[in-house]
Structures are given as structure tokens and as C-alpha cells.
């Protein structure tokens, strides 16, 4: 007697796939949140209004990066009224990039967008980024038109763009804009990375994907204070540069070679003066040169130690972020 297999098993699997496709959202929007309580309600309302006009299913993944204000409570209130908002709460403040990757690890949409919570990039620009993904691009990168930040932020950003663009061979107007769109497979590949020194534009370039740049509006901060002071900006910019290139160490090496040549020329001059004019007593110049060269050596040692420190962090293999809870 012939044994029958599972009835309609292939049809059931196909049905399950269709059901899952209908449940999963088409678009996921990741928002890193750190002490942005004053902006969250307006931000979420505007995002919902914009995406609903597209007639596409979506979710918003807000990552609370250890906020010390009532950002988490506001997110929970918004979640109670709209379940399309999902909350990923980190155990402490890890930083903006780890918060983004925590969001990437929890998205479900086919298109993934990122936007900052300060409302400087208006959510109304989101459809333009989505259009570029629909056209076939892997990544749509916003660049800020008429940037409304202080010179303290604009100047380091321009310098960073030049250095990173030159190091990676890119022609990108604005690497620091937080408004981006990705195909889901790109985000999945980026989430597989295990290193800690991550810089999203560099990771995208390394993957060799097709990138489009979109000019987006930029407004003054709607409320709250910027989390980036002068020291933080300098540190962040150096972290970004050192995460994509060893150019600082190479530059110090070239500078050291130049100084060696100058020192050799000065030694020839001093020898010449001693031979033809007798004893030479110029302690002031010698002292100045000594302190200058000592400073150069300390800078070079600091750069080398910075890269060694990164190796130490990578060897420890600690998690890039720790999720305390997920509310969905």
C-alpha cells in the first residue's frame, strides 16, 4: 500500500511565505535617541504623516541610547497609541553609531532608513530617498543643503569629508548627514561586522555598493541641546579618520623624515661654523629645537598608541552594544 506524504506541504509553505510577506513592513526607520524628549512627539507624528501618504507599510525602530531625560517614557507613550513604533533600549549610552547598529539588528523592512531625532533633517525628505532605492540604488545618502550648524561644527565636518573622501577615493559631498536609506541586504551585511571602529560611509564603500546622493534640507535644531561639544567633535573626527585609514601615522612618518633632513642640514651648518669661525654658542636655538622635536615624538607616540589601543579593544571582543529590553 502506497504511503501518502504530508498533504499539500509545498502549498502550505508558499502560503506561509505570503502571510509573512504581508505581515512584515516594507519600510523600517531607525532613530537613535539620546536625551531628545522635546522632539520625539513631533518627529514621530511627522514620520507617520509622511509614510502613510506613500501607502506603504512601515515601522519605526527607536533606539534609546541610555537617555537620562524622559525620552524613554515618551517613546513608551507613543508606542501605546501606535504599535508601529518599536523601542530598543540599550543598557547604557554606547554612542550614535552603536545605536544605529542596534536598530539595524532589529529591523524587518525591505528598505531601511536612518534619521536623527533632532529634526534638523526634516522627515518630509524621506520619500525622495525611498525613490532612489526604488530606482535600483543600494544606498541613498543625503547631503545637507545650506547647513544650519555653527562654524564649530561645519569646519571640522568639511575637513573630515576631504580627508576621508581622499583616503577612500570617494567623491561625496557630505559624509556626516544622518539621513540615509539602505536596501535590507546591505544592512544585513553591515550587521555581520564584528569590529568596533565603525563608520557607516566607510562600511558602505567597503561593500562596493551603488550609492546615490540626494540634496536634503537642513534646519536649526528644533529643541534641546547638541550632544557634540568641541572636544567631542575633535575626538569623533579623529575616531572616524583613524577607523578608515592609517594616514595620520604615515603623515607623522613623512614629517619625521622632513625633520631628519632639516636636522642633518643644521648639523652641516654648525660643523661649518665651528671649522671656519671657531666655537659656537647658541643654546637658545638648541633648546627650541629640542623641545620641538620632543613634542613631535610625543605626538607620534600618541598616534601609535591610539592604533594599538584599538587593537586592544578589538582583541577583547566585547559586544558592540547591549540591549536591555525590546518593546514591541
Protein backbone atom coordinates (compact mmCIF):
# COMPACT_ATOMS: atom_id res chain seq x y z
CA UNK A 1 0.00 0.00 0.00
CA UNK A 2 1.38 3.38 -1.02
CA UNK A 3 2.05 5.85 1.80
CA UNK A 4 0.88 9.38 1.28
CA UNK A 5 3.18 12.27 2.11
CA UNK A 6 2.21 15.37 4.05
CA UNK A 7 -0.85 16.81 2.32
CA UNK A 8 -0.18 19.96 0.26
CA UNK A 9 3.11 20.64 2.10
CA UNK A 10 4.51 22.84 -0.72
CA UNK A 11 1.31 24.85 -0.85
CA UNK A 12 1.40 25.41 2.89
CA UNK A 13 4.98 26.67 2.74
CA UNK A 14 4.08 29.04 -0.08
CA UNK A 15 1.09 30.29 1.90
CA UNK A 16 3.24 30.88 4.96
CA UNK A 17 5.66 32.94 2.91
CA UNK A 18 2.85 35.07 1.54
CA UNK A 19 1.46 35.58 5.03
CA UNK A 20 4.88 36.55 6.39
CA UNK A 21 5.41 38.95 3.47
CA UNK A 22 2.06 40.59 4.24
CA UNK A 23 2.91 40.93 7.94
CA UNK A 24 6.42 42.34 7.60
CA UNK A 25 6.62 46.09 6.92
CA UNK A 26 8.06 47.38 3.66
CA UNK A 27 9.96 50.24 5.32
CA UNK A 28 11.88 50.45 8.59
CA UNK A 29 13.03 53.79 10.01
CA UNK A 30 15.80 53.69 12.62
CA UNK A 31 16.11 56.63 15.04
CA UNK A 32 18.97 56.78 17.57
CA UNK A 33 17.66 58.63 20.62
CA UNK A 34 19.74 60.23 23.36
CA UNK A 35 18.04 62.88 25.52
CA UNK A 36 15.69 64.09 22.75
CA UNK A 37 12.46 64.22 24.74
CA UNK A 38 11.42 67.63 23.41
CA UNK A 39 11.50 66.46 19.78
CA UNK A 40 10.14 62.92 19.85
CA UNK A 41 6.39 63.51 19.62
CA UNK A 42 6.69 65.92 16.70
CA UNK A 43 9.24 63.70 14.97
CA UNK A 44 7.06 60.58 15.19
CA UNK A 45 3.91 62.45 14.11
CA UNK A 46 5.63 63.85 11.03
CA UNK A 47 7.18 60.50 10.08
CA UNK A 48 3.80 58.75 10.29
CA UNK A 49 2.15 61.50 8.24
CA UNK A 50 4.81 61.27 5.52
CA UNK A 51 4.92 57.47 5.20
CA UNK A 52 1.16 56.98 5.31
CA UNK A 53 0.87 59.17 2.20
CA UNK A 54 3.05 56.64 0.37
CA UNK A 55 0.53 53.84 1.08
CA UNK A 56 3.34 51.53 2.20
CA UNK A 57 3.58 49.56 5.41
CA UNK A 58 6.27 50.69 7.81
CA UNK A 59 7.73 50.50 11.28
CA UNK A 60 9.74 52.96 13.34
CA UNK A 61 12.57 51.48 15.44
CA UNK A 62 13.61 54.00 18.11
CA UNK A 63 16.84 53.06 19.91
CA UNK A 64 17.09 54.62 23.36
CA UNK A 65 20.83 55.06 23.84
CA UNK A 66 20.80 55.38 27.64
CA UNK A 67 18.85 58.64 27.81
CA UNK A 68 18.83 60.38 31.19
CA UNK A 69 15.74 62.52 30.48
CA UNK A 70 12.20 61.22 29.93
CA UNK A 71 12.80 60.17 26.31
CA UNK A 72 12.02 56.52 27.13
CA UNK A 73 8.73 57.40 28.83
CA UNK A 74 7.64 59.44 25.82
CA UNK A 75 8.56 56.61 23.47
CA UNK A 76 6.50 54.20 25.57
CA UNK A 77 3.51 56.58 25.45
CA UNK A 78 3.80 56.80 21.67
CA UNK A 79 4.07 53.01 21.45
CA UNK A 80 0.83 52.64 23.41
CA UNK A 81 -1.00 54.73 20.82
CA UNK A 82 0.73 53.30 17.73
CA UNK A 83 2.19 49.79 17.72
CA UNK A 84 4.19 50.56 14.58
CA UNK A 85 6.71 52.16 16.91
CA UNK A 86 9.13 49.59 18.33
CA UNK A 87 11.59 50.50 21.08
CA UNK A 88 15.06 49.05 21.54
CA UNK A 89 16.52 50.10 24.88
CA UNK A 90 20.27 49.85 25.36
CA UNK A 91 21.78 49.15 28.77
CA UNK A 92 23.75 52.42 28.74
CA UNK A 93 24.95 55.17 26.42
CA UNK A 94 27.08 53.45 23.75
CA UNK A 95 27.10 56.24 21.17
CA UNK A 96 25.24 57.09 18.00
CA UNK A 97 26.82 54.50 15.69
CA UNK A 98 26.30 51.55 18.07
CA UNK A 99 22.71 52.73 18.50
CA UNK A 100 22.26 52.67 14.71
CA UNK A 101 23.62 49.14 14.53
CA UNK A 102 21.31 48.08 17.37
CA UNK A 103 18.47 49.35 15.21
CA UNK A 104 19.84 47.55 12.15
CA UNK A 105 19.85 44.30 14.12
CA UNK A 106 16.11 44.69 14.83
CA UNK A 107 14.63 45.98 11.56
CA UNK A 108 12.21 43.93 9.49
CA UNK A 109 11.59 46.11 6.42
CA UNK A 110 12.95 45.71 2.90
CA UNK A 111 14.08 49.35 2.90
CA UNK A 112 15.86 50.74 5.97
CA UNK A 113 16.15 54.47 6.62
CA UNK A 114 18.02 56.37 9.32
CA UNK A 115 17.21 59.82 10.63
CA UNK A 116 18.42 61.81 13.64
CA UNK A 117 15.98 62.77 16.37
CA UNK A 118 16.88 66.48 16.43
CA UNK A 119 14.59 67.36 13.47
CA UNK A 120 17.41 69.15 11.64
CA UNK A 121 16.77 66.86 8.68
CA UNK A 122 13.01 67.08 8.04
CA UNK A 123 11.13 63.74 7.74
CA UNK A 124 9.40 65.17 4.67
CA UNK A 125 12.58 64.33 2.70
CA UNK A 126 12.14 60.58 3.31
CA UNK A 127 10.13 59.85 0.10
CA UNK A 128 12.97 61.20 -2.06
CA UNK A 129 15.41 58.73 -0.52
CA UNK A 130 12.96 55.87 -1.00
CA UNK A 131 12.57 56.83 -4.66
CA UNK A 132 16.31 56.35 -5.23
CA UNK A 133 16.19 52.87 -3.66
CA UNK A 134 13.22 52.02 -5.89
CA UNK A 135 15.27 53.18 -8.90
CA UNK A 136 17.84 50.47 -8.17
CA UNK A 137 20.42 52.14 -5.92
CA UNK A 138 21.67 50.20 -2.89
CA UNK A 139 22.17 53.28 -0.70
CA UNK A 140 20.73 56.80 -0.84
CA UNK A 141 22.89 59.30 1.04
CA UNK A 142 21.56 62.73 1.97
CA UNK A 143 23.74 65.81 1.78
CA UNK A 144 22.76 68.89 3.74
CA UNK A 145 21.90 71.95 1.70
CA UNK A 146 22.52 75.31 3.43
CA UNK A 147 23.65 73.66 6.63
CA UNK A 148 22.36 75.45 9.74
CA UNK A 149 25.08 74.44 12.19
CA UNK A 150 27.67 76.68 13.80
CA UNK A 151 31.12 77.13 12.27
CA UNK A 152 32.42 74.98 15.13
CA UNK A 153 30.63 72.03 13.54
CA UNK A 154 30.78 72.93 9.85
CA UNK A 155 34.55 73.45 9.57
CA UNK A 156 35.64 70.13 11.20
CA UNK A 157 32.98 68.37 9.12
CA UNK A 158 34.37 69.79 5.86
CA UNK A 159 37.92 68.85 6.84
CA UNK A 160 36.76 65.34 7.72
CA UNK A 161 34.92 64.99 4.40
CA UNK A 162 38.07 65.95 2.50
CA UNK A 163 40.33 63.56 4.43
CA UNK A 164 38.02 60.56 4.32
CA UNK A 165 36.99 61.14 0.71
CA UNK A 166 40.64 61.35 -0.34
CA UNK A 167 41.60 58.27 1.73
CA UNK A 168 38.78 56.13 0.32
CA UNK A 169 38.80 57.56 -3.19
CA UNK A 170 35.23 58.82 -2.83
CA UNK A 171 33.52 61.90 -4.21
CA UNK A 172 30.91 62.51 -1.53
CA UNK A 173 29.65 65.94 -0.56
CA UNK A 174 28.51 65.18 2.97
CA UNK A 175 29.60 62.07 4.86
CA UNK A 176 28.10 63.21 8.16
CA UNK A 177 24.44 63.52 7.21
CA UNK A 178 22.32 61.21 9.35
CA UNK A 179 19.61 60.84 6.71
CA UNK A 180 20.23 57.68 4.68
CA UNK A 181 18.33 54.83 3.05
CA UNK A 182 19.58 51.27 2.51
CA UNK A 183 18.40 48.10 0.90
CA UNK A 184 17.78 45.49 3.58
CA UNK A 185 20.55 43.19 2.33
CA UNK A 186 23.11 46.00 2.78
CA UNK A 187 22.05 46.49 6.38
CA UNK A 188 22.22 42.73 7.00
CA UNK A 189 25.78 42.62 5.67
CA UNK A 190 26.82 45.58 7.82
CA UNK A 191 25.29 43.94 10.88
CA UNK A 192 27.61 40.97 10.37
CA UNK A 193 30.69 43.12 11.03
CA UNK A 194 32.40 42.46 14.35
CA UNK A 195 34.89 45.34 14.62
CA UNK A 196 34.26 48.30 16.92
CA UNK A 197 35.77 51.19 14.94
CA UNK A 198 32.80 51.54 12.60
CA UNK A 199 31.99 54.45 10.34
CA UNK A 200 28.88 53.88 8.22
CA UNK A 201 30.05 55.63 4.99
CA UNK A 202 33.32 53.65 5.11
CA UNK A 203 31.47 50.37 5.64
CA UNK A 204 29.17 51.15 2.70
CA UNK A 205 32.17 51.92 0.48
CA UNK A 206 33.91 48.71 1.54
CA UNK A 207 30.87 46.70 0.44
CA UNK A 208 31.19 48.13 -3.05
CA UNK A 209 27.55 49.17 -3.42
CA UNK A 210 25.78 51.62 -5.71
CA UNK A 211 25.29 54.95 -3.90
CA UNK A 212 23.15 57.95 -4.81
CA UNK A 213 23.43 61.39 -3.21
CA UNK A 214 20.28 63.40 -2.53
CA UNK A 215 20.25 67.07 -1.62
CA UNK A 216 18.13 67.47 1.55
CA UNK A 217 17.07 70.45 3.59
CA UNK A 218 18.74 71.25 6.88
CA UNK A 219 17.11 73.23 9.67
CA UNK A 220 18.18 74.61 13.01
CA UNK A 221 17.76 72.25 15.95
CA UNK A 222 14.07 72.25 16.94
CA UNK A 223 14.71 71.81 20.66
CA UNK A 224 17.19 70.52 23.20
CA UNK A 225 20.95 70.87 23.02
CA UNK A 226 23.55 69.35 20.73
CA UNK A 227 25.45 66.42 22.24
CA UNK A 228 28.65 67.39 20.43
CA UNK A 229 30.94 69.89 22.13
CA UNK A 230 34.34 70.96 20.77
CA UNK A 231 36.29 68.14 22.45
CA UNK A 232 33.67 65.55 21.46
CA UNK A 233 33.74 66.72 17.83
CA UNK A 234 37.54 66.58 17.68
CA UNK A 235 37.54 63.12 19.24
CA UNK A 236 34.77 61.89 16.94
CA UNK A 237 36.51 63.23 13.84
CA UNK A 238 39.79 61.58 14.80
CA UNK A 239 37.96 58.31 15.52
CA UNK A 240 36.39 58.43 12.08
CA UNK A 241 39.68 59.15 10.32
CA UNK A 242 41.62 56.50 12.21
CA UNK A 243 38.87 53.93 11.61
CA UNK A 244 39.22 54.14 7.82
CA UNK A 245 42.89 54.96 7.23
CA UNK A 246 46.40 54.87 8.71
CA UNK A 247 47.13 58.25 7.08
CA UNK A 248 47.85 60.03 10.42
CA UNK A 249 50.67 57.63 11.24
CA UNK A 250 52.04 57.85 7.71
CA UNK A 251 51.86 61.65 7.83
CA UNK A 252 53.86 61.71 11.05
CA UNK A 253 56.42 59.43 9.41
CA UNK A 254 56.79 61.81 6.47
CA UNK A 255 57.05 64.75 8.83
CA UNK A 256 59.73 62.89 10.80
CA UNK A 257 61.70 62.31 7.59
CA UNK A 258 61.50 66.01 6.77
CA UNK A 259 62.71 66.94 10.25
CA UNK A 260 65.59 64.48 9.94
CA UNK A 261 66.65 66.17 6.73
CA UNK A 262 66.42 69.61 8.35
CA UNK A 263 68.41 68.36 11.35
CA UNK A 264 71.10 66.97 9.06
CA UNK A 265 71.34 70.28 7.22
CA UNK A 266 71.60 72.17 10.52
CA UNK A 267 74.37 69.81 11.66
CA UNK A 268 76.31 70.59 8.50
CA UNK A 269 75.85 74.31 9.12
CA UNK A 270 77.01 74.04 12.74
CA UNK A 271 80.05 71.98 11.65
CA UNK A 272 80.90 74.55 9.00
CA UNK A 273 80.68 77.41 11.53
CA UNK A 274 82.83 75.52 14.03
CA UNK A 275 85.52 74.85 11.45
CA UNK A 276 85.71 78.35 9.96
CA UNK A 277 84.63 80.61 12.84
CA UNK A 278 85.60 78.67 15.94
CA UNK A 279 83.37 77.76 18.90
CA UNK A 280 79.62 78.18 18.53
CA UNK A 281 77.36 79.03 21.49
CA UNK A 282 73.71 79.10 20.51
CA UNK A 283 71.91 77.38 23.36
CA UNK A 284 68.62 79.17 22.66
CA UNK A 285 68.28 77.59 19.22
CA UNK A 286 69.36 74.20 20.50
CA UNK A 287 66.82 74.33 23.34
CA UNK A 288 63.98 75.36 20.98
CA UNK A 289 64.83 72.58 18.56
CA UNK A 290 64.99 70.08 21.43
CA UNK A 291 61.51 70.93 22.71
CA UNK A 292 60.08 70.99 19.18
CA UNK A 293 61.45 67.56 18.34
CA UNK A 294 60.32 66.22 21.73
CA UNK A 295 56.79 67.42 21.00
CA UNK A 296 56.83 65.75 17.58
CA UNK A 297 57.96 62.50 19.16
CA UNK A 298 55.17 62.64 21.74
CA UNK A 299 52.55 63.28 19.04
CA UNK A 300 53.89 60.36 17.01
CA UNK A 301 53.88 58.12 20.08
CA UNK A 302 50.32 59.18 20.87
CA UNK A 303 49.13 58.26 17.37
CA UNK A 304 50.82 54.86 17.54
CA UNK A 305 49.31 54.24 20.98
CA UNK A 306 45.87 55.17 19.62
CA UNK A 307 46.08 52.47 16.97
CA UNK A 308 47.49 49.98 19.48
CA UNK A 309 44.58 50.85 21.78
CA UNK A 310 42.16 49.99 19.00
CA UNK A 311 43.83 46.61 18.64
CA UNK A 312 43.39 46.11 22.39
CA UNK A 313 39.67 46.90 22.14
CA UNK A 314 39.18 44.51 19.22
CA UNK A 315 41.06 41.68 20.96
CA UNK A 316 38.72 41.93 23.96
CA UNK A 317 35.82 41.06 21.63
CA UNK A 318 33.19 42.77 23.78
CA UNK A 319 29.72 43.32 22.28
CA UNK A 320 29.32 46.50 20.25
CA UNK A 321 26.12 47.24 22.19
CA UNK A 322 23.93 45.54 24.82
CA UNK A 323 20.14 45.58 24.53
CA UNK A 324 18.37 45.80 27.88
CA UNK A 325 14.87 45.31 26.51
CA UNK A 326 12.81 45.45 23.34
CA UNK A 327 9.28 46.84 23.48
CA UNK A 328 7.07 45.77 20.58
